[in-house]
C-alpha atoms as a PDB file:
ATOM      1  CA  UNK A   1      -4.719 -11.605 -42.101  1.00  0.00           C
ATOM      2  CA  UNK A   2      -5.818 -14.012 -39.397  1.00  0.00           C
ATOM      3  CA  UNK A   3      -3.555 -13.773 -36.360  1.00  0.00           C
ATOM      4  CA  UNK A   4      -4.175 -16.322 -33.642  1.00  0.00           C
ATOM      5  CA  UNK A   5      -2.709 -16.578 -30.192  1.00  0.00           C
ATOM      6  CA  UNK A   6      -1.601 -19.933 -28.865  1.00  0.00           C
ATOM      7  CA  UNK A   7      -3.530 -20.204 -25.569  1.00  0.00           C
ATOM      8  CA  UNK A   8      -1.073 -22.614 -23.939  1.00  0.00           C
ATOM      9  CA  UNK A   9       1.983 -20.510 -24.787  1.00  0.00           C
ATOM     10  CA  UNK A  10       0.249 -17.273 -23.807  1.00  0.00           C
ATOM     11  CA  UNK A  11      -0.908 -18.795 -20.509  1.00  0.00           C
ATOM     12  CA  UNK A  12       2.598 -19.974 -19.673  1.00  0.00           C
ATOM     13  CA  UNK A  13       4.107 -16.587 -20.556  1.00  0.00           C
ATOM     14  CA  UNK A  14       1.637 -14.645 -18.408  1.00  0.00           C
ATOM     15  CA  UNK A  15       1.951 -17.198 -15.597  1.00  0.00           C
ATOM     16  CA  UNK A  16       5.744 -16.951 -15.522  1.00  0.00           C
ATOM     17  CA  UNK A  17       5.738 -13.143 -15.596  1.00  0.00           C
ATOM     18  CA  UNK A  18       3.118 -12.868 -12.850  1.00  0.00           C
ATOM     19  CA  UNK A  19       4.911 -15.482 -10.703  1.00  0.00           C
ATOM     20  CA  UNK A  20       8.223 -13.602 -10.966  1.00  0.00           C
ATOM     21  CA  UNK A  21       6.519 -10.331 -10.028  1.00  0.00           C
ATOM     22  CA  UNK A  22       4.723 -11.854  -7.024  1.00  0.00           C
ATOM     23  CA  UNK A  23       7.873 -13.656  -5.863  1.00  0.00           C
ATOM     24  CA  UNK A  24       9.954 -10.466  -5.831  1.00  0.00           C
ATOM     25  CA  UNK A  25       7.116  -8.487  -4.222  1.00  0.00           C
ATOM     26  CA  UNK A  26       7.164 -11.014  -1.369  1.00  0.00           C
ATOM     27  CA  UNK A  27      10.948 -10.726  -1.039  1.00  0.00           C
ATOM     28  CA  UNK A  28      10.877  -6.911  -1.129  1.00  0.00           C
ATOM     29  CA  UNK A  29       8.135  -6.897   1.520  1.00  0.00           C
ATOM     30  CA  UNK A  30      10.626  -8.529   3.903  1.00  0.00           C
ATOM     31  CA  UNK A  31      12.473  -5.192   3.807  1.00  0.00           C
ATOM     32  CA  UNK A  32       9.346  -3.058   4.223  1.00  0.00           C
ATOM     33  CA  UNK A  33       8.577  -2.266   0.572  1.00  0.00           C
ATOM     34  CA  UNK A  34       5.066  -3.048  -0.674  1.00  0.00           C
ATOM     35  CA  UNK A  35       3.876  -4.673   2.526  1.00  0.00           C
ATOM     36  CA  UNK A  36       0.297  -3.448   2.078  1.00  0.00           C
ATOM     37  CA  UNK A  37       0.135  -4.940  -1.420  1.00  0.00           C
ATOM     38  CA  UNK A  38       1.533  -8.276  -0.246  1.00  0.00           C
ATOM     39  CA  UNK A  39      -0.929  -8.325   2.650  1.00  0.00           C
ATOM     40  CA  UNK A  40      -3.810  -7.628   0.256  1.00  0.00           C
ATOM     41  CA  UNK A  41      -2.706 -10.366  -2.163  1.00  0.00           C
ATOM     42  CA  UNK A  42      -2.253 -12.778   0.756  1.00  0.00           C
ATOM     43  CA  UNK A  43      -6.036 -12.706   1.159  1.00  0.00           C
ATOM     44  CA  UNK A  44      -6.238 -14.355  -2.298  1.00  0.00           C
ATOM     45  CA  UNK A  45      -3.073 -16.465  -2.262  1.00  0.00           C
ATOM     46  CA  UNK A  46      -3.133 -18.602   0.887  1.00  0.00           C
ATOM     47  CA  UNK A  47       0.322 -18.920   2.417  1.00  0.00           C
ATOM     48  CA  UNK A  48       1.713 -15.879   0.605  1.00  0.00           C
ATOM     49  CA  UNK A  49       3.657 -13.463   2.756  1.00  0.00           C
ATOM     50  CA  UNK A  50       6.799 -11.466   3.357  1.00  0.00           C
ATOM     51  CA  UNK A  51       9.231 -14.392   3.636  1.00  0.00           C
ATOM     52  CA  UNK A  52      11.174 -16.621   1.274  1.00  0.00           C
ATOM     53  CA  UNK A  53       8.758 -19.537   1.765  1.00  0.00           C
ATOM     54  CA  UNK A  54       5.782 -17.177   1.490  1.00  0.00           C
ATOM     55  CA  UNK A  55       7.190 -15.714  -1.730  1.00  0.00           C
ATOM     56  CA  UNK A  56       7.609 -19.205  -3.216  1.00  0.00           C
ATOM     57  CA  UNK A  57       4.063 -20.171  -2.244  1.00  0.00           C
ATOM     58  CA  UNK A  58       2.787 -16.894  -3.720  1.00  0.00           C
ATOM     59  CA  UNK A  59       4.725 -17.515  -6.935  1.00  0.00           C
ATOM     60  CA  UNK A  60       3.099 -20.938  -7.306  1.00  0.00           C
ATOM     61  CA  UNK A  61      -0.345 -19.435  -6.802  1.00  0.00           C
ATOM     62  CA  UNK A  62       0.511 -16.569  -9.159  1.00  0.00           C
ATOM     63  CA  UNK A  63       1.704 -18.908 -11.907  1.00  0.00           C
ATOM     64  CA  UNK A  64      -1.555 -20.859 -11.670  1.00  0.00           C
ATOM     65  CA  UNK A  65      -3.621 -17.674 -11.634  1.00  0.00           C
ATOM     66  CA  UNK A  66      -1.655 -16.100 -14.493  1.00  0.00           C
ATOM     67  CA  UNK A  67      -1.740 -19.266 -16.573  1.00  0.00           C
ATOM     68  CA  UNK A  68      -5.514 -19.635 -16.313  1.00  0.00           C
ATOM     69  CA  UNK A  69      -6.069 -15.929 -16.969  1.00  0.00           C
ATOM     70  CA  UNK A  70      -3.691 -15.871 -19.938  1.00  0.00           C
ATOM     71  CA  UNK A  71      -5.185 -19.034 -21.413  1.00  0.00           C
ATOM     72  CA  UNK A  72      -8.720 -17.647 -21.152  1.00  0.00           C
ATOM     73  CA  UNK A  73      -7.699 -14.274 -22.617  1.00  0.00           C
ATOM     74  CA  UNK A  74      -6.013 -15.952 -25.617  1.00  0.00           C
ATOM     75  CA  UNK A  75      -8.980 -18.279 -26.124  1.00  0.00           C
ATOM     76  CA  UNK A  76     -11.472 -15.387 -26.042  1.00  0.00           C
ATOM     77  CA  UNK A  77      -9.226 -13.331 -28.351  1.00  0.00           C
ATOM     78  CA  UNK A  78      -9.178 -16.176 -30.875  1.00  0.00           C
ATOM     79  CA  UNK A  79     -12.980 -16.499 -30.704  1.00  0.00           C
ATOM     80  CA  UNK A  80     -13.511 -12.769 -31.211  1.00  0.00           C
ATOM     81  CA  UNK A  81     -10.863 -12.450 -33.946  1.00  0.00           C
ATOM     82  CA  UNK A  82     -12.605 -14.991 -36.219  1.00  0.00           C
END
């Protein structure tokens, strides 16, 4: 049995999930929940912060980050699974 992952689909799936998580973390930080985590991630994702605009910017960065990471993971998995 030769199972392969589709790197594009896997990248999009991971990107969407990570973007949703980061977006809601930014929104929750507006109310004092997870502020330290959002501040730490803001050092990686420029413009990310505890505001609606900051959460949207963070979600864009997170989708890009998650997509690239997911794509690379699926590509490596397919190489190793041969």
